[in-house]
C-alpha atoms as a PDB file:
ATOM      1  CA  MET A   1       0.162   0.055  -0.203  1.00  0.00           C
ATOM      2  CA  LYS A   2       1.137   3.652  -0.738  1.00  0.00           C
ATOM      3  CA  LYS A   3       2.262   5.155   2.120  1.00  0.00           C
ATOM      4  CA  THR A   4      -0.657   6.732   4.410  1.00  0.00           C
ATOM      5  CA  SER A   5       1.100  10.441   3.930  1.00  0.00           C
ATOM      6  CA  ASN A   6       0.262  10.026  -0.138  1.00  0.00           C
ATOM      7  CA  TRP A   7      -3.117  10.046   0.637  1.00  0.00           C
ATOM      8  CA  LEU A   8      -3.534  13.580   1.293  1.00  0.00           C
ATOM      9  CA  TRP A   9      -2.690  13.503  -2.003  1.00  0.00           C
ATOM     10  CA  PRO A  10      -6.538  12.445  -3.630  1.00  0.00           C
ATOM     11  CA  LEU A  11      -7.686  14.925  -0.821  1.00  0.00           C
ATOM     12  CA  ALA A  12      -5.959  18.289  -2.561  1.00  0.00           C
ATOM     13  CA  LEU A  13      -6.631  17.115  -5.701  1.00  0.00           C
ATOM     14  CA  GLY A  14     -10.375  16.272  -5.109  1.00  0.00           C
ATOM     15  CA  SER A  15     -10.475  19.687  -3.474  1.00  0.00           C
ATOM     16  CA  LEU A  16      -8.653  21.252  -6.829  1.00  0.00           C
ATOM     17  CA  TRP A  17     -11.430  19.338  -8.369  1.00  0.00           C
ATOM     18  CA  GLY A  18     -14.316  21.016  -6.187  1.00  0.00           C
ATOM     19  CA  LEU A  19     -13.031  24.737  -6.928  1.00  0.00           C
ATOM     20  CA  ALA A  20     -13.082  23.939 -10.909  1.00  0.00           C
ATOM     21  CA  GLU A  21     -16.564  22.958 -10.261  1.00  0.00           C
ATOM     22  CA  LEU A  22     -16.858  26.395  -7.939  1.00  0.00           C
ATOM     23  CA  ILE A  23     -15.026  28.923 -10.540  1.00  0.00           C
ATOM     24  CA  GLY A  24     -15.409  26.795 -13.831  1.00  0.00           C
ATOM     25  CA  GLY A  25     -18.857  25.228 -13.209  1.00  0.00           C
ATOM     26  CA  GLY A  26     -20.789  28.553 -12.040  1.00  0.00           C
ATOM     27  CA  THR A  27     -19.278  30.379 -15.302  1.00  0.00           C
ATOM     28  CA  PHE A  28     -19.921  27.849 -17.969  1.00  0.00           C
ATOM     29  CA  TYR A  29     -23.331  26.801 -16.668  1.00  0.00           C
ATOM     30  CA  GLN A  30     -24.476  31.138 -16.603  1.00  0.00           C
ATOM     31  CA  ASN A  31     -22.981  31.775 -19.792  1.00  0.00           C
ATOM     32  CA  ASN A  32     -24.612  28.680 -21.511  1.00  0.00           C
ATOM     33  CA  VAL A  33     -21.575  27.293 -22.679  1.00  0.00           C
ATOM     34  CA  PRO A  34     -21.975  24.302 -24.899  1.00  0.00           C
ATOM     35  CA  LEU A  35     -21.356  20.942 -23.131  1.00  0.00           C
ATOM     36  CA  ALA A  36     -20.501  22.464 -20.539  1.00  0.00           C
ATOM     37  CA  SER A  37     -20.059  18.936 -18.598  1.00  0.00           C
ATOM     38  CA  VAL A  38     -17.878  17.408 -21.032  1.00  0.00           C
ATOM     39  CA  TRP A  39     -15.356  20.152 -20.290  1.00  0.00           C
ATOM     40  CA  LEU A  40     -15.774  19.834 -16.419  1.00  0.00           C
ATOM     41  CA  SER A  41     -15.649  16.359 -16.891  1.00  0.00           C
ATOM     42  CA  ALA A  42     -12.393  16.303 -19.322  1.00  0.00           C
ATOM     43  CA  TRP A  43     -10.612  18.603 -16.134  1.00  0.00           C
ATOM     44  CA  ALA A  44     -11.876  15.861 -13.716  1.00  0.00           C
ATOM     45  CA  LEU A  45     -10.367  12.936 -15.919  1.00  0.00           C
ATOM     46  CA  PHE A  46      -7.204  14.455 -15.708  1.00  0.00           C
ATOM     47  CA  LEU A  47      -7.563  15.018 -11.715  1.00  0.00           C
ATOM     48  CA  LEU A  48      -8.910  11.221 -10.905  1.00  0.00           C
ATOM     49  CA  ALA A  49      -5.686  10.028 -12.577  1.00  0.00           C
ATOM     50  CA  VAL A  50      -3.159  12.165 -11.217  1.00  0.00           C
ATOM     51  CA  ALA A  51      -4.441  10.953  -7.989  1.00  0.00           C
ATOM     52  CA  ARG A  52      -4.339   7.330  -9.189  1.00  0.00           C
ATOM     53  CA  GLY A  53      -1.297   7.647 -10.086  1.00  0.00           C
ATOM     54  CA  VAL A  54       0.088   9.327  -6.597  1.00  0.00           C
ATOM     55  CA  VAL A  55      -2.373   6.398  -4.795  1.00  0.00           C
ATOM     56  CA  ASN A  56      -3.212   3.519  -7.110  1.00  0.00           C
ATOM     57  CA  GLU A  57      -5.613   2.266  -4.590  1.00  0.00           C
ATOM     58  CA  PRO A  58      -8.978   1.483  -4.297  1.00  0.00           C
ATOM     59  CA  GLY A  59     -11.234   3.549  -2.496  1.00  0.00           C
ATOM     60  CA  SER A  60      -8.233   7.020  -3.126  1.00  0.00           C
ATOM     61  CA  SER A  61     -10.580   8.036  -6.936  1.00  0.00           C
ATOM     62  CA  THR A  62     -13.869   7.994  -4.512  1.00  0.00           C
ATOM     63  CA  LEU A  63     -12.229   9.763  -2.217  1.00  0.00           C
ATOM     64  CA  ALA A  64     -11.360  12.610  -4.809  1.00  0.00           C
ATOM     65  CA  GLY A  65     -14.627  12.430  -6.098  1.00  0.00           C
ATOM     66  CA  ALA A  66     -16.481  12.744  -2.597  1.00  0.00           C
ATOM     67  CA  VAL A  67     -14.225  15.618  -1.375  1.00  0.00           C
ATOM     68  CA  ALA A  68     -14.793  17.351  -4.244  1.00  0.00           C
ATOM     69  CA  ALA A  69     -18.579  16.761  -4.211  1.00  0.00           C
ATOM     70  CA  LEU A  70     -18.280  18.321  -0.156  1.00  0.00           C
ATOM     71  CA  PHE A  71     -16.182  21.173  -1.483  1.00  0.00           C
ATOM     72  CA  LYS A  72     -18.884  22.622  -4.048  1.00  0.00           C
ATOM     73  CA  LEU A  73     -21.695  21.803  -1.336  1.00  0.00           C
ATOM     74  CA  ALA A  74     -19.829  23.751   1.124  1.00  0.00           C
ATOM     75  CA  TYR A  75     -19.397  26.664  -1.406  1.00  0.00           C
ATOM     76  CA  ALA A  76     -22.189  26.812  -3.965  1.00  0.00           C
ATOM     77  CA  ALA A  77     -26.130  26.586  -3.952  1.00  0.00           C
ATOM     78  CA  PRO A  78     -26.895  22.786  -3.404  1.00  0.00           C
ATOM     79  CA  PHE A  79     -27.770  21.816  -6.679  1.00  0.00           C
ATOM     80  CA  TYR A  80     -27.856  17.748  -5.776  1.00  0.00           C
ATOM     81  CA  CYS A  81     -27.777  16.573  -9.436  1.00  0.00           C
ATOM     82  CA  HIS A  82     -24.788  18.357  -9.969  1.00  0.00           C
ATOM     83  CA  LEU A  83     -23.553  16.926  -6.741  1.00  0.00           C
ATOM     84  CA  LEU A  84     -24.092  13.441  -7.908  1.00  0.00           C
ATOM     85  CA  GLY A  85     -22.477  13.443 -11.097  1.00  0.00           C
ATOM     86  CA  ILE A  86     -19.328  14.976  -9.251  1.00  0.00           C
ATOM     87  CA  PHE A  87     -19.424  11.908  -7.136  1.00  0.00           C
ATOM     88  CA  PHE A  88     -20.378   9.043  -9.641  1.00  0.00           C
ATOM     89  CA  LEU A  89     -17.468   9.928 -12.261  1.00  0.00           C
ATOM     90  CA  GLY A  90     -15.293   9.530  -8.981  1.00  0.00           C
ATOM     91  CA  LEU A  91     -16.708   6.315  -7.947  1.00  0.00           C
ATOM     92  CA  VAL A  92     -17.018   4.860 -11.593  1.00  0.00           C
ATOM     93  CA  PHE A  93     -13.281   5.969 -12.214  1.00  0.00           C
ATOM     94  CA  ASP A  94     -12.060   4.115  -8.815  1.00  0.00           C
ATOM     95  CA  ILE A  95     -14.108   0.811 -10.080  1.00  0.00           C
ATOM     96  CA  ALA A  96     -12.461   1.407 -13.284  1.00  0.00           C
ATOM     97  CA  ALA A  97      -8.917   1.768 -12.159  1.00  0.00           C
ATOM     98  CA  THR A  98      -9.331  -0.854  -9.689  1.00  0.00           C
ATOM     99  CA  ALA A  99     -10.533  -3.393 -13.023  1.00  0.00           C
ATOM    100  CA  PHE A 100      -7.879  -1.720 -15.381  1.00  0.00           C
ATOM    101  CA  LEU A 101      -4.836  -0.037 -13.655  1.00  0.00           C
ATOM    102  CA  LYS A 102      -2.394  -3.244 -11.870  1.00  0.00           C
ATOM    103  CA  LYS A 103       0.603  -2.371 -10.501  1.00  0.00           C
ATOM    104  CA  GLU A 104       3.239  -4.191 -13.332  1.00  0.00           C
ATOM    105  CA  GLY A 105       3.461  -0.345 -14.817  1.00  0.00           C
ATOM    106  CA  PHE A 106       2.087   2.026 -17.006  1.00  0.00           C
ATOM    107  CA  ARG A 107       0.214   0.941 -19.452  1.00  0.00           C
ATOM    108  CA  PRO A 108      -1.589   3.277 -22.365  1.00  0.00           C
ATOM    109  CA  VAL A 109      -4.279   1.166 -23.063  1.00  0.00           C
ATOM    110  CA  ARG A 110      -5.528  -0.096 -20.081  1.00  0.00           C
ATOM    111  CA  ALA A 111      -5.092   3.948 -19.015  1.00  0.00           C
ATOM    112  CA  MET A 112      -7.259   5.174 -22.348  1.00  0.00           C
ATOM    113  CA  LEU A 113     -10.105   1.976 -21.412  1.00  0.00           C
ATOM    114  CA  THR A 114      -9.766   3.316 -17.587  1.00  0.00           C
ATOM    115  CA  GLY A 115     -11.001   7.148 -18.945  1.00  0.00           C
ATOM    116  CA  ALA A 116     -13.449   5.816 -21.656  1.00  0.00           C
ATOM    117  CA  VAL A 117     -15.254   3.505 -19.477  1.00  0.00           C
ATOM    118  CA  SER A 118     -15.240   6.017 -16.332  1.00  0.00           C
ATOM    119  CA  ALA A 119     -16.490   8.140 -18.831  1.00  0.00           C
ATOM    120  CA  TYR A 120     -19.312   6.397 -20.755  1.00  0.00           C
ATOM    121  CA  GLY A 121     -19.896   4.987 -16.817  1.00  0.00           C
ATOM    122  CA  GLY A 122     -20.264   7.693 -14.790  1.00  0.00           C
ATOM    123  CA  TYR A 123     -22.594   9.645 -17.262  1.00  0.00           C
ATOM    124  CA  ALA A 124     -24.706   6.229 -17.448  1.00  0.00           C
ATOM    125  CA  LEU A 125     -24.843   5.721 -13.638  1.00  0.00           C
ATOM    126  CA  PHE A 126     -25.616   9.655 -13.154  1.00  0.00           C
ATOM    127  CA  ALA A 127     -28.592   9.704 -15.844  1.00  0.00           C
ATOM    128  CA  VAL A 128     -30.234   6.573 -15.123  1.00  0.00           C
ATOM    129  CA  VAL A 129     -30.460   7.742 -11.432  1.00  0.00           C
ATOM    130  CA  ILE A 130     -31.231  11.260 -11.545  1.00  0.00           C
ATOM    131  CA  THR A 131     -34.036  10.390 -14.179  1.00  0.00           C
ATOM    132  CA  TYR A 132     -35.267   7.224 -12.725  1.00  0.00           C
ATOM    133  CA  ILE A 133     -34.545   6.815  -9.236  1.00  0.00           C
ATOM    134  CA  VAL A 134     -34.336  10.734  -7.700  1.00  0.00           C
ATOM    135  CA  ARG A 135     -36.801  11.343 -10.626  1.00  0.00           C
ATOM    136  CA  TYR A 136     -35.953  14.918 -10.810  1.00  0.00           C
ATOM    137  CA  SER A 137     -38.675  16.886 -13.123  1.00  0.00           C
ATOM    138  CA  TYR A 138     -35.854  18.572 -15.167  1.00  0.00           C
ATOM    139  CA  TRP A 139     -34.528  14.767 -16.376  1.00  0.00           C
ATOM    140  CA  THR A 140     -38.332  12.989 -15.826  1.00  0.00           C
ATOM    141  CA  ALA A 141     -39.664  16.028 -18.394  1.00  0.00           C
ATOM    142  CA  ALA A 142     -37.583  15.393 -21.193  1.00  0.00           C
ATOM    143  CA  GLY A 143     -37.680  11.172 -20.363  1.00  0.00           C
ATOM    144  CA  LEU A 144     -35.065   9.041 -22.747  1.00  0.00           C
ATOM    145  CA  PRO A 145     -34.214  11.249 -25.761  1.00  0.00           C
ATOM    146  CA  LYS A 146     -32.154  13.367 -22.594  1.00  0.00           C
ATOM    147  CA  VAL A 147     -30.885  10.279 -21.130  1.00  0.00           C
ATOM    148  CA  LEU A 148     -29.612   8.942 -24.175  1.00  0.00           C
ATOM    149  CA  ASN A 149     -27.788  12.306 -25.365  1.00  0.00           C
ATOM    150  CA  HIS A 150     -26.305  12.279 -22.438  1.00  0.00           C
ATOM    151  CA  ILE A 151     -24.742   9.495 -21.973  1.00  0.00           C
ATOM    152  CA  PHE A 152     -23.933   9.062 -25.531  1.00  0.00           C
ATOM    153  CA  VAL A 153     -23.489  12.106 -26.967  1.00  0.00           C
ATOM    154  CA  GLY A 154     -22.067  14.099 -24.011  1.00  0.00           C
ATOM    155  CA  GLY A 155     -20.402  10.433 -22.995  1.00  0.00           C
ATOM    156  CA  SER A 156     -18.712   9.945 -26.389  1.00  0.00           C
ATOM    157  CA  LEU A 157     -17.131  13.526 -26.240  1.00  0.00           C
ATOM    158  CA  ALA A 158     -15.632  13.344 -22.264  1.00  0.00           C
ATOM    159  CA  ALA A 159     -14.643   9.667 -22.992  1.00  0.00           C
ATOM    160  CA  VAL A 160     -12.932  10.880 -26.522  1.00  0.00           C
ATOM    161  CA  THR A 161     -11.131  13.655 -24.387  1.00  0.00           C
ATOM    162  CA  SER A 162      -9.831  11.346 -21.561  1.00  0.00           C
ATOM    163  CA  LEU A 163      -8.367   8.572 -23.966  1.00  0.00           C
ATOM    164  CA  VAL A 164      -5.582  11.868 -24.171  1.00  0.00           C
ATOM    165  CA  LEU A 165      -5.830  13.495 -20.674  1.00  0.00           C
ATOM    166  CA  VAL A 166      -5.773   9.750 -18.555  1.00  0.00           C
ATOM    167  CA  PRO A 167      -2.519   8.606 -19.685  1.00  0.00           C
ATOM    168  CA  LEU A 168      -1.064  11.700 -18.815  1.00  0.00           C
ATOM    169  CA  GLY A 169      -2.542  12.298 -15.745  1.00  0.00           C
ATOM    170  CA  LEU A 170      -1.403   8.639 -14.693  1.00  0.00           C
ATOM    171  CA  ARG A 171       2.256   9.583 -15.617  1.00  0.00           C
ATOM    172  CA  ALA A 172       2.271  12.735 -14.138  1.00  0.00           C
ATOM    173  CA  GLY A 173       1.442  11.263 -11.244  1.00  0.00           C
ATOM    174  CA  ALA A 174       3.190   8.290 -10.849  1.00  0.00           C
ATOM    175  CA  ARG A 175       6.392  10.882 -11.347  1.00  0.00           C
ATOM    176  CA  SER A 176       4.814  12.991  -8.820  1.00  0.00           C
ATOM    177  CA  GLU A 177       4.851   9.777  -6.424  1.00  0.00           C
ATOM    178  CA  SER A 178       8.782   8.977  -6.773  1.00  0.00           C
ATOM    179  CA  ALA A 179       9.309  12.513  -6.305  1.00  0.00           C
ATOM    180  CA  LEU A 180       7.044  12.411  -3.097  1.00  0.00           C
ATOM    181  CA  ALA A 181       9.031   9.813  -1.778  1.00  0.00           C
ATOM    182  CA  VAL A 182      12.417  11.424  -1.528  1.00  0.00           C
ATOM    183  CA  ARG A 183      11.180  13.736   0.662  1.00  0.00           C
ATOM    184  CA  PRO A 184       8.051  12.892   2.506  1.00  0.00           C
ATOM    185  CA  ARG A 185       7.837  15.713   4.978  1.00  0.00           C
ATOM    186  CA  ARG A 186       7.937  18.638   2.105  1.00  0.00           C
ATOM    187  CA  ALA A 187       4.751  15.852  -0.101  1.00  0.00           C
ATOM    188  CA  VAL A 188       3.370  16.027   3.560  1.00  0.00           C
ATOM    189  CA  ALA A 189       3.528  19.519   4.482  1.00  0.00           C
ATOM    190  CA  ALA A 190       2.877  20.445   0.039  1.00  0.00           C
ATOM    191  CA  ALA A 191      -0.389  18.975   0.419  1.00  0.00           C
ATOM    192  CA  LEU A 192      -1.662  19.885   3.891  1.00  0.00           C
ATOM    193  CA  ALA A 193      -1.058  23.331   2.326  1.00  0.00           C
ATOM    194  CA  VAL A 194      -2.531  22.645  -1.213  1.00  0.00           C
ATOM    195  CA  ILE A 195      -5.965  21.983   1.028  1.00  0.00           C
ATOM    196  CA  VAL A 196      -5.980  24.616   3.058  1.00  0.00           C
ATOM    197  CA  ILE A 197      -5.732  27.524   0.145  1.00  0.00           C
ATOM    198  CA  LEU A 198      -7.928  26.032  -1.833  1.00  0.00           C
ATOM    199  CA  TRP A 199     -10.788  25.444   0.803  1.00  0.00           C
ATOM    200  CA  THR A 200      -9.799  28.532   1.865  1.00  0.00           C
ATOM    201  CA  ALA A 201      -9.575  30.252  -1.535  1.00  0.00           C
ATOM    202  CA  GLY A 202     -13.054  28.873  -2.022  1.00  0.00           C
ATOM    203  CA  ALA A 203     -14.989  30.819   0.933  1.00  0.00           C
ATOM    204  CA  PHE A 204     -13.680  33.994  -1.283  1.00  0.00           C
ATOM    205  CA  ILE A 205     -14.888  33.025  -4.369  1.00  0.00           C
ATOM    206  CA  ARG A 206     -18.456  32.108  -3.114  1.00  0.00           C
END
């Protein structure tokens, strides 16, 4: 298992994801930017990959997603559908990474597969739950066409971006993990500093 101190980095990167959702999400949706969720998901998948490169352990990606959702909940209006989407993407990435990213080193095809499965799976899980279980009126009113569009249009675009961003993120995370091992005390201090700075920044941006 990776050093316990390294688990601070999924917290830090999850916080960075939350800040991006707070700033980018608010800006994109307020200005009706096309495919806003795809741009946010692309950034999220990159950060999830970096975090997984640092701590390639089951649960680390779910933790990052939970932190990102908590960050947005703390500093933005509680749009629970957005929070579900954030958490589900982290959860599905965790499942895919646990299945495909074994310990034998970096494999580009496995990295790309992890990204694509995470994109489609995260989008599908969110669309089905929000429409047919939570039954949020915005989604139930549009019905199956909106669900299919979300999965096969938004999900496909996110999957395409993940083919590049997830391998890049995993390599960056793995290299960072090697560097962190050289100076573990500095690594802990840096992670804690990043977490404090990001959560403080969120309080001023809200």
